[in-house]
């Protein structure tokens, strides 16, 4: 009968660890989605867990603008085996990641859009809308670290 008592601390520790995992105490308090105002023209709602826009996109980002690729973007696309068609698809259907975007960048704001290619690559493409064209600044594979020697 003495052996039953030695399992109680282990059971309590297991219960405590399970509760911590369920509550995710180490990540801090979870907040509800919040609103962000961009240049007093566009209100976006961001889900704090994914950092993706869930309402309307920033007003300056034209998802159908002609694209101009920087040398850096071309090099990154080549390293990561990303085609222009995949970049266009991310522009048209991707979600804006507000933490990686900077609408106050000069001379043009930058917006990081994320999504999946048809092959399943999880991509982040940074776009800079300026005047009548949008520049593709860089392209990142979020799941795989490719060897690349781009500047």
N, C-alpha and C. Protein backbone atom coordinates (compact mmCIF):
# COMPACT_ATOMS: atom_id res chain seq x y z
N UNK A 1 0.80 -1.20 0.00
CA UNK A 1 0.00 0.00 0.00
C UNK A 1 0.85 1.28 0.00
N UNK A 2 2.09 1.20 0.47
CA UNK A 2 2.97 2.37 0.48
C UNK A 2 3.30 2.85 -0.94
N UNK A 3 3.30 1.97 -1.90
CA UNK A 3 3.69 2.33 -3.27
C UNK A 3 2.71 3.28 -3.93
N UNK A 4 1.46 3.35 -3.48
CA UNK A 4 0.50 4.28 -4.07
C UNK A 4 0.90 5.73 -3.82
N UNK A 5 1.47 6.01 -2.67
CA UNK A 5 1.85 7.37 -2.31
C UNK A 5 2.98 7.93 -3.16
N UNK A 6 3.85 7.11 -3.69
CA UNK A 6 4.97 7.63 -4.47
C UNK A 6 4.55 8.11 -5.86
N UNK A 7 3.37 7.74 -6.31
CA UNK A 7 2.90 8.17 -7.63
C UNK A 7 2.16 9.50 -7.59
N UNK A 8 1.75 9.94 -6.42
CA UNK A 8 0.97 11.18 -6.31
C UNK A 8 1.76 12.39 -6.81
N UNK A 9 3.02 12.60 -6.39
CA UNK A 9 3.77 13.76 -6.94
C UNK A 9 3.92 13.71 -8.46
N UNK A 10 4.13 12.51 -9.01
CA UNK A 10 4.27 12.38 -10.45
C UNK A 10 2.95 12.71 -11.16
N UNK A 11 1.84 12.27 -10.60
CA UNK A 11 0.53 12.59 -11.18
C UNK A 11 0.25 14.08 -11.11
N UNK A 12 0.58 14.72 -9.99
CA UNK A 12 0.38 16.16 -9.87
C UNK A 12 1.25 16.93 -10.86
N UNK A 13 2.49 16.52 -11.01
CA UNK A 13 3.38 17.17 -11.98
C UNK A 13 2.85 16.99 -13.40
N UNK A 14 2.38 15.81 -13.73
CA UNK A 14 1.81 15.55 -15.05
C UNK A 14 0.58 16.41 -15.29
N UNK A 15 -0.27 16.54 -14.29
CA UNK A 15 -1.47 17.36 -14.42
C UNK A 15 -1.09 18.82 -14.61
N UNK A 16 -0.10 19.30 -13.86
CA UNK A 16 0.35 20.68 -13.99
C UNK A 16 0.92 20.95 -15.39
N UNK A 17 1.73 20.04 -15.90
CA UNK A 17 2.29 20.20 -17.25
C UNK A 17 1.20 20.18 -18.31
N UNK A 18 0.23 19.31 -18.15
CA UNK A 18 -0.88 19.25 -19.10
C UNK A 18 -1.66 20.55 -19.10
N UNK A 19 -1.95 21.09 -17.89
CA UNK A 19 -2.67 22.37 -17.81
C UNK A 19 -1.86 23.50 -18.44
N UNK A 20 -0.56 23.53 -18.18
CA UNK A 20 0.29 24.56 -18.79
C UNK A 20 0.25 24.46 -20.30
N UNK A 21 0.30 23.26 -20.82
CA UNK A 21 0.25 23.07 -22.27
C UNK A 21 -1.09 23.52 -22.82
N UNK A 22 -2.17 23.20 -22.15
CA UNK A 22 -3.51 23.60 -22.59
C UNK A 22 -3.67 25.12 -22.58
N UNK A 23 -3.15 25.77 -21.58
CA UNK A 23 -3.28 27.22 -21.45
C UNK A 23 -2.18 27.98 -22.17
N UNK A 24 -1.13 27.30 -22.54
CA UNK A 24 0.04 27.91 -23.19
C UNK A 24 0.53 29.11 -22.39
N UNK A 25 0.74 28.89 -21.09
CA UNK A 25 1.16 29.94 -20.19
C UNK A 25 2.45 30.60 -20.62
N UNK A 26 3.35 29.87 -21.24
CA UNK A 26 4.65 30.43 -21.60
C UNK A 26 4.58 31.41 -22.76
N UNK A 27 3.45 31.46 -23.47
CA UNK A 27 3.32 32.40 -24.59
C UNK A 27 2.71 33.72 -24.15
N UNK A 28 2.27 33.81 -22.93
CA UNK A 28 1.64 35.03 -22.44
C UNK A 28 0.17 35.08 -22.81
N UNK A 29 -0.51 36.16 -22.42
CA UNK A 29 -1.95 36.24 -22.67
C UNK A 29 -2.25 36.37 -24.16
N UNK A 30 -3.29 35.70 -24.58
CA UNK A 30 -3.73 35.79 -25.97
C UNK A 30 -4.71 36.95 -26.09
N UNK A 31 -4.50 37.78 -27.10
CA UNK A 31 -5.37 38.94 -27.30
C UNK A 31 -6.30 38.71 -28.48
N UNK A 32 -7.40 39.40 -28.44
CA UNK A 32 -8.36 39.34 -29.54
C UNK A 32 -7.82 40.14 -30.71
N UNK A 33 -8.34 39.90 -31.93
CA UNK A 33 -7.91 40.70 -33.08
C UNK A 33 -8.11 42.19 -32.79
N UNK A 34 -7.23 43.01 -33.35
CA UNK A 34 -7.31 44.45 -33.14
C UNK A 34 -7.38 45.17 -34.47
N UNK A 35 -7.73 46.44 -34.40
CA UNK A 35 -7.86 47.25 -35.62
C UNK A 35 -6.64 48.13 -35.77
N UNK A 36 -6.23 48.39 -37.01
CA UNK A 36 -5.11 49.25 -37.33
C UNK A 36 -5.55 50.22 -38.42
N UNK A 37 -5.19 51.48 -38.27
CA UNK A 37 -5.54 52.47 -39.29
C UNK A 37 -4.30 52.81 -40.09
N UNK A 38 -4.38 52.75 -41.42
CA UNK A 38 -3.28 53.10 -42.31
C UNK A 38 -3.62 54.39 -43.04
N UNK A 39 -2.86 55.45 -42.76
CA UNK A 39 -3.02 56.73 -43.45
C UNK A 39 -4.45 57.26 -43.41
N UNK A 40 -5.20 56.95 -42.38
CA UNK A 40 -6.57 57.39 -42.20
C UNK A 40 -7.50 57.02 -43.35
N UNK A 41 -7.10 56.08 -44.21
CA UNK A 41 -7.95 55.73 -45.33
C UNK A 41 -8.40 54.28 -45.29
N UNK A 42 -7.70 53.45 -44.55
CA UNK A 42 -7.99 52.03 -44.59
C UNK A 42 -7.89 51.43 -43.21
N UNK A 43 -8.91 50.72 -42.81
CA UNK A 43 -8.87 50.02 -41.53
C UNK A 43 -8.71 48.55 -41.81
N UNK A 44 -7.72 47.94 -41.15
CA UNK A 44 -7.49 46.51 -41.33
C UNK A 44 -7.60 45.84 -39.98
N UNK A 45 -8.05 44.62 -39.99
CA UNK A 45 -8.11 43.82 -38.76
C UNK A 45 -7.05 42.75 -38.86
N UNK A 46 -6.27 42.62 -37.80
CA UNK A 46 -5.17 41.67 -37.80
C UNK A 46 -5.42 40.61 -36.74
N UNK A 47 -5.28 39.36 -37.14
CA UNK A 47 -5.35 38.25 -36.21
C UNK A 47 -3.96 38.12 -35.60
N UNK A 48 -3.83 38.32 -34.27
CA UNK A 48 -2.53 38.33 -33.62
C UNK A 48 -1.82 36.98 -33.70
N UNK A 49 -2.55 35.88 -33.84
CA UNK A 49 -1.90 34.57 -33.92
C UNK A 49 -1.17 34.39 -35.25
N UNK A 50 -1.76 34.88 -36.34
CA UNK A 50 -1.16 34.67 -37.67
C UNK A 50 -0.54 35.93 -38.24
N UNK A 51 -0.86 37.11 -37.67
CA UNK A 51 -0.39 38.40 -38.16
C UNK A 51 -0.87 38.67 -39.59
N UNK A 52 -1.97 38.11 -39.97
CA UNK A 52 -2.50 38.33 -41.30
C UNK A 52 -3.72 39.22 -41.26
N UNK A 53 -3.86 40.05 -42.30
CA UNK A 53 -5.01 40.92 -42.42
C UNK A 53 -6.25 40.08 -42.67
N UNK A 54 -7.31 40.36 -41.93
CA UNK A 54 -8.54 39.60 -42.12
C UNK A 54 -9.66 40.44 -42.72
N UNK A 55 -9.45 41.72 -42.86
CA UNK A 55 -10.46 42.56 -43.51
C UNK A 55 -9.88 43.11 -44.81
N UNK A 56 -9.92 44.44 -45.01
CA UNK A 56 -9.41 44.99 -46.27
C UNK A 56 -7.92 45.28 -46.22
N UNK A 57 -7.27 45.23 -47.39
CA UNK A 57 -5.82 45.44 -47.50
C UNK A 57 -5.49 46.93 -47.44
N UNK A 58 -4.20 47.25 -47.25
CA UNK A 58 -3.78 48.65 -47.30
C UNK A 58 -4.17 49.28 -48.64
N UNK A 59 -4.59 50.51 -48.59
CA UNK A 59 -5.14 51.18 -49.78
C UNK A 59 -4.13 51.34 -50.91
N UNK A 60 -2.84 51.49 -50.61
CA UNK A 60 -1.85 51.76 -51.65
C UNK A 60 -1.44 50.52 -52.44
N UNK A 61 -1.82 49.34 -52.01
CA UNK A 61 -1.39 48.11 -52.68
C UNK A 61 -2.40 47.72 -53.74
N UNK A 62 -2.00 47.91 -55.01
CA UNK A 62 -2.84 47.50 -56.14
C UNK A 62 -2.45 46.08 -56.50
N UNK A 63 -3.35 45.15 -56.31
CA UNK A 63 -3.05 43.74 -56.54
C UNK A 63 -2.99 43.36 -58.01
N UNK A 64 -3.26 44.31 -58.89
CA UNK A 64 -3.21 44.02 -60.34
C UNK A 64 -2.27 44.96 -61.07
N UNK A 65 -1.37 45.58 -60.34
CA UNK A 65 -0.42 46.53 -60.95
C UNK A 65 0.65 45.78 -61.73
N UNK A 66 1.22 46.43 -62.76
CA UNK A 66 2.36 45.84 -63.46
C UNK A 66 3.53 45.69 -62.49
N UNK A 67 4.26 44.59 -62.62
CA UNK A 67 5.36 44.32 -61.70
C UNK A 67 6.72 44.61 -62.33
N UNK A 68 7.62 45.12 -61.50
CA UNK A 68 9.02 45.33 -61.87
C UNK A 68 9.84 44.57 -60.83
N UNK A 69 10.73 43.70 -61.28
CA UNK A 69 11.51 42.86 -60.39
C UNK A 69 12.89 43.46 -60.14
N UNK A 70 13.26 43.62 -58.87
CA UNK A 70 14.60 44.08 -58.54
C UNK A 70 15.60 42.95 -58.82
N UNK A 71 16.87 43.30 -58.95
CA UNK A 71 17.90 42.29 -59.17
C UNK A 71 17.93 41.31 -57.98
N UNK A 72 17.77 41.84 -56.77
CA UNK A 72 17.76 41.00 -55.58
C UNK A 72 16.59 40.01 -55.62
N UNK A 73 15.41 40.50 -56.00
CA UNK A 73 14.23 39.62 -56.07
C UNK A 73 14.46 38.51 -57.10
N UNK A 74 15.00 38.87 -58.26
CA UNK A 74 15.28 37.86 -59.31
C UNK A 74 16.24 36.79 -58.78
N UNK A 75 17.28 37.23 -58.07
CA UNK A 75 18.26 36.28 -57.54
C UNK A 75 17.59 35.37 -56.51
N UNK A 76 16.80 35.93 -55.60
CA UNK A 76 16.12 35.13 -54.57
C UNK A 76 15.11 34.17 -55.21
N UNK A 77 14.41 34.62 -56.21
CA UNK A 77 13.45 33.75 -56.91
C UNK A 77 14.18 32.58 -57.56
N UNK A 78 15.33 32.87 -58.18
CA UNK A 78 16.11 31.83 -58.83
C UNK A 78 16.60 30.80 -57.81
N UNK A 79 17.14 31.27 -56.68
CA UNK A 79 17.65 30.37 -55.63
C UNK A 79 16.53 29.48 -55.10
N UNK A 80 15.34 30.04 -54.96
CA UNK A 80 14.24 29.33 -54.29
C UNK A 80 13.27 28.68 -55.28
N UNK A 81 13.62 28.72 -56.55
CA UNK A 81 12.80 28.09 -57.61
C UNK A 81 11.37 28.62 -57.62
N UNK A 82 11.25 29.95 -57.59
CA UNK A 82 9.94 30.61 -57.61
C UNK A 82 9.78 31.30 -58.95
N UNK A 83 8.65 31.08 -59.60
CA UNK A 83 8.40 31.66 -60.92
C UNK A 83 7.66 33.00 -60.80
N UNK A 84 7.67 33.76 -61.89
CA UNK A 84 6.91 35.01 -61.92
C UNK A 84 5.43 34.75 -61.71
N UNK A 85 4.92 33.65 -62.26
CA UNK A 85 3.50 33.31 -62.09
C UNK A 85 3.17 33.11 -60.61
N UNK A 86 4.09 32.49 -59.87
CA UNK A 86 3.85 32.28 -58.45
C UNK A 86 3.87 33.61 -57.68
N UNK A 87 4.75 34.52 -58.09
CA UNK A 87 4.80 35.84 -57.46
C UNK A 87 3.50 36.59 -57.71
N UNK A 88 3.00 36.55 -58.95
CA UNK A 88 1.74 37.21 -59.29
C UNK A 88 0.59 36.60 -58.48
N UNK A 89 0.60 35.28 -58.33
CA UNK A 89 -0.45 34.61 -57.56
C UNK A 89 -0.42 35.06 -56.10
N UNK A 90 0.78 35.20 -55.51
CA UNK A 90 0.89 35.68 -54.13
C UNK A 90 0.38 37.12 -54.04
N UNK A 91 0.71 37.95 -55.02
CA UNK A 91 0.22 39.34 -55.03
C UNK A 91 -1.30 39.37 -55.05
N UNK A 92 -1.91 38.54 -55.86
CA UNK A 92 -3.36 38.59 -56.02
C UNK A 92 -4.13 37.90 -54.90
N UNK A 93 -3.54 36.86 -54.29
CA UNK A 93 -4.31 36.08 -53.31
C UNK A 93 -3.68 36.01 -51.93
N UNK A 94 -2.44 36.50 -51.77
CA UNK A 94 -1.74 36.37 -50.49
C UNK A 94 -2.32 37.25 -49.40
N UNK A 95 -1.95 36.91 -48.16
CA UNK A 95 -2.37 37.67 -46.98
C UNK A 95 -1.25 38.62 -46.57
N UNK A 96 -1.61 39.83 -46.19
CA UNK A 96 -0.61 40.81 -45.75
C UNK A 96 -0.16 40.47 -44.34
N UNK A 97 1.17 40.39 -44.14
CA UNK A 97 1.75 40.20 -42.82
C UNK A 97 2.18 41.59 -42.34
N UNK A 98 1.41 42.16 -41.41
CA UNK A 98 1.67 43.52 -40.95
C UNK A 98 3.00 43.66 -40.21
N UNK A 99 3.46 42.61 -39.54
CA UNK A 99 4.73 42.71 -38.82
C UNK A 99 5.92 42.79 -39.76
N UNK A 100 5.80 42.28 -40.97
CA UNK A 100 6.89 42.31 -41.94
C UNK A 100 6.68 43.41 -42.98
N UNK A 101 5.59 44.15 -42.91
CA UNK A 101 5.29 45.23 -43.84
C UNK A 101 5.65 46.56 -43.20
N UNK A 102 5.92 47.57 -44.05
CA UNK A 102 6.17 48.91 -43.56
C UNK A 102 5.54 49.93 -44.50
N UNK A 103 4.28 50.31 -44.22
CA UNK A 103 3.62 51.28 -45.09
C UNK A 103 4.23 52.68 -45.04
N UNK A 104 5.18 52.89 -44.12
CA UNK A 104 5.84 54.20 -44.01
C UNK A 104 7.22 54.22 -44.64
N UNK A 105 7.64 53.11 -45.28
CA UNK A 105 8.93 53.06 -45.97
C UNK A 105 9.02 54.17 -47.01
N UNK A 106 10.21 54.70 -47.21
CA UNK A 106 10.47 55.73 -48.23
C UNK A 106 11.43 55.17 -49.27
N UNK A 107 11.29 55.43 -50.52
CA UNK A 107 10.30 56.33 -51.11
C UNK A 107 8.94 55.67 -51.32
N UNK A 108 8.87 54.35 -51.19
CA UNK A 108 7.60 53.64 -51.41
C UNK A 108 7.32 52.71 -50.23
N UNK A 109 6.06 52.56 -49.85
CA UNK A 109 5.73 51.62 -48.78
C UNK A 109 6.03 50.19 -49.21
N UNK A 110 6.27 49.30 -48.26
CA UNK A 110 6.49 47.89 -48.58
C UNK A 110 5.46 47.04 -47.86
N UNK A 111 4.97 46.03 -48.58
CA UNK A 111 3.97 45.12 -48.03
C UNK A 111 4.45 43.69 -48.24
N UNK A 112 4.49 42.92 -47.15
CA UNK A 112 4.89 41.52 -47.20
C UNK A 112 3.62 40.67 -47.31
N UNK A 113 3.48 39.98 -48.43
CA UNK A 113 2.33 39.11 -48.64
C UNK A 113 2.77 37.66 -48.55
N UNK A 114 1.95 36.84 -47.92
CA UNK A 114 2.29 35.44 -47.72
C UNK A 114 1.20 34.54 -48.28
N UNK A 115 1.61 33.39 -48.77
CA UNK A 115 0.68 32.41 -49.30
C UNK A 115 1.43 31.18 -49.75
N UNK A 116 0.71 30.27 -50.39
CA UNK A 116 1.29 29.02 -50.86
C UNK A 116 1.25 28.95 -52.37
N UNK A 117 2.34 28.45 -52.96
CA UNK A 117 2.38 28.23 -54.41
C UNK A 117 1.61 26.95 -54.71
N UNK A 118 1.38 26.69 -56.01
CA UNK A 118 0.68 25.46 -56.39
C UNK A 118 1.46 24.22 -55.98
N UNK A 119 2.81 24.34 -55.88
CA UNK A 119 3.63 23.20 -55.46
C UNK A 119 3.68 23.05 -53.94
N UNK A 120 3.05 23.98 -53.22
CA UNK A 120 3.01 23.90 -51.77
C UNK A 120 4.08 24.69 -51.04
N UNK A 121 4.89 25.48 -51.77
CA UNK A 121 5.89 26.32 -51.11
C UNK A 121 5.18 27.42 -50.32
N UNK A 122 5.58 27.61 -49.07
CA UNK A 122 5.04 28.69 -48.24
C UNK A 122 5.91 29.91 -48.47
N UNK A 123 5.39 30.90 -49.19
CA UNK A 123 6.19 32.03 -49.64
C UNK A 123 5.79 33.33 -48.97
N UNK A 124 6.78 34.20 -48.80
CA UNK A 124 6.55 35.60 -48.45
C UNK A 124 7.21 36.41 -49.55
N UNK A 125 6.45 37.29 -50.18
CA UNK A 125 6.98 38.16 -51.23
C UNK A 125 6.73 39.60 -50.77
N UNK A 126 7.79 40.41 -50.83
CA UNK A 126 7.68 41.81 -50.42
C UNK A 126 7.52 42.67 -51.66
N UNK A 127 6.45 43.47 -51.67
CA UNK A 127 6.11 44.35 -52.79
C UNK A 127 6.21 45.80 -52.34
N UNK A 128 6.63 46.68 -53.28
CA UNK A 128 6.72 48.11 -53.02
C UNK A 128 5.97 48.86 -54.12
N UNK A 129 4.69 49.20 -53.86
CA UNK A 129 3.93 49.96 -54.86
C UNK A 129 4.44 51.40 -54.92
N UNK A 130 4.79 51.84 -56.14
CA UNK A 130 5.32 53.18 -56.33
C UNK A 130 4.79 53.72 -57.65
N UNK A 131 4.09 54.82 -57.61
CA UNK A 131 3.51 55.44 -58.80
C UNK A 131 2.66 54.44 -59.57
N UNK A 132 3.03 54.11 -60.82
CA UNK A 132 2.17 53.25 -61.63
C UNK A 132 2.63 51.80 -61.71
N UNK A 133 3.73 51.45 -61.03
CA UNK A 133 4.19 50.06 -61.02
C UNK A 133 4.44 49.61 -59.58
N UNK A 134 4.54 48.32 -59.41
CA UNK A 134 4.86 47.74 -58.12
C UNK A 134 6.15 46.94 -58.26
N UNK A 135 7.12 47.22 -57.40
CA UNK A 135 8.39 46.49 -57.44
C UNK A 135 8.29 45.26 -56.55
N UNK A 136 8.88 44.17 -57.04
CA UNK A 136 9.05 42.98 -56.21
C UNK A 136 10.42 43.14 -55.57
N UNK A 137 10.44 43.25 -54.24
CA UNK A 137 11.67 43.55 -53.51
C UNK A 137 12.45 42.28 -53.19
N UNK A 138 11.76 41.26 -52.68
CA UNK A 138 12.41 40.00 -52.34
C UNK A 138 11.37 38.89 -52.26
N UNK A 139 11.86 37.66 -52.20
CA UNK A 139 11.02 36.48 -52.16
C UNK A 139 11.64 35.50 -51.16
N UNK A 140 10.84 35.01 -50.23
CA UNK A 140 11.34 34.16 -49.16
C UNK A 140 10.51 32.88 -49.09
N UNK A 141 11.19 31.74 -48.98
CA UNK A 141 10.52 30.47 -48.71
C UNK A 141 10.50 30.32 -47.19
N UNK A 142 9.32 30.32 -46.59
CA UNK A 142 9.21 30.31 -45.14
C UNK A 142 9.47 28.95 -44.50
N UNK A 143 9.47 27.90 -45.31
CA UNK A 143 9.66 26.56 -44.76
C UNK A 143 11.03 25.97 -45.01
N UNK A 144 11.76 26.48 -46.00
CA UNK A 144 13.04 25.89 -46.35
C UNK A 144 14.10 26.97 -46.47
N UNK A 145 15.27 26.71 -45.93
CA UNK A 145 16.39 27.64 -46.02
C UNK A 145 17.25 27.25 -47.20
N UNK A 146 17.16 28.02 -48.29
CA UNK A 146 17.90 27.73 -49.52
C UNK A 146 19.28 28.37 -49.46
N UNK A 147 20.27 27.70 -50.03
CA UNK A 147 21.60 28.29 -50.16
C UNK A 147 21.53 29.35 -51.26
N UNK A 148 21.93 30.56 -50.92
CA UNK A 148 21.80 31.66 -51.86
C UNK A 148 22.95 32.65 -51.62
N UNK A 149 23.50 33.20 -52.70
CA UNK A 149 24.59 34.16 -52.56
C UNK A 149 24.19 35.52 -53.12
N UNK A 150 22.95 35.91 -52.91
CA UNK A 150 22.46 37.21 -53.40
C UNK A 150 22.92 38.32 -52.47
N UNK A 151 23.13 39.51 -53.02
CA UNK A 151 23.49 40.68 -52.21
C UNK A 151 22.26 41.47 -51.88
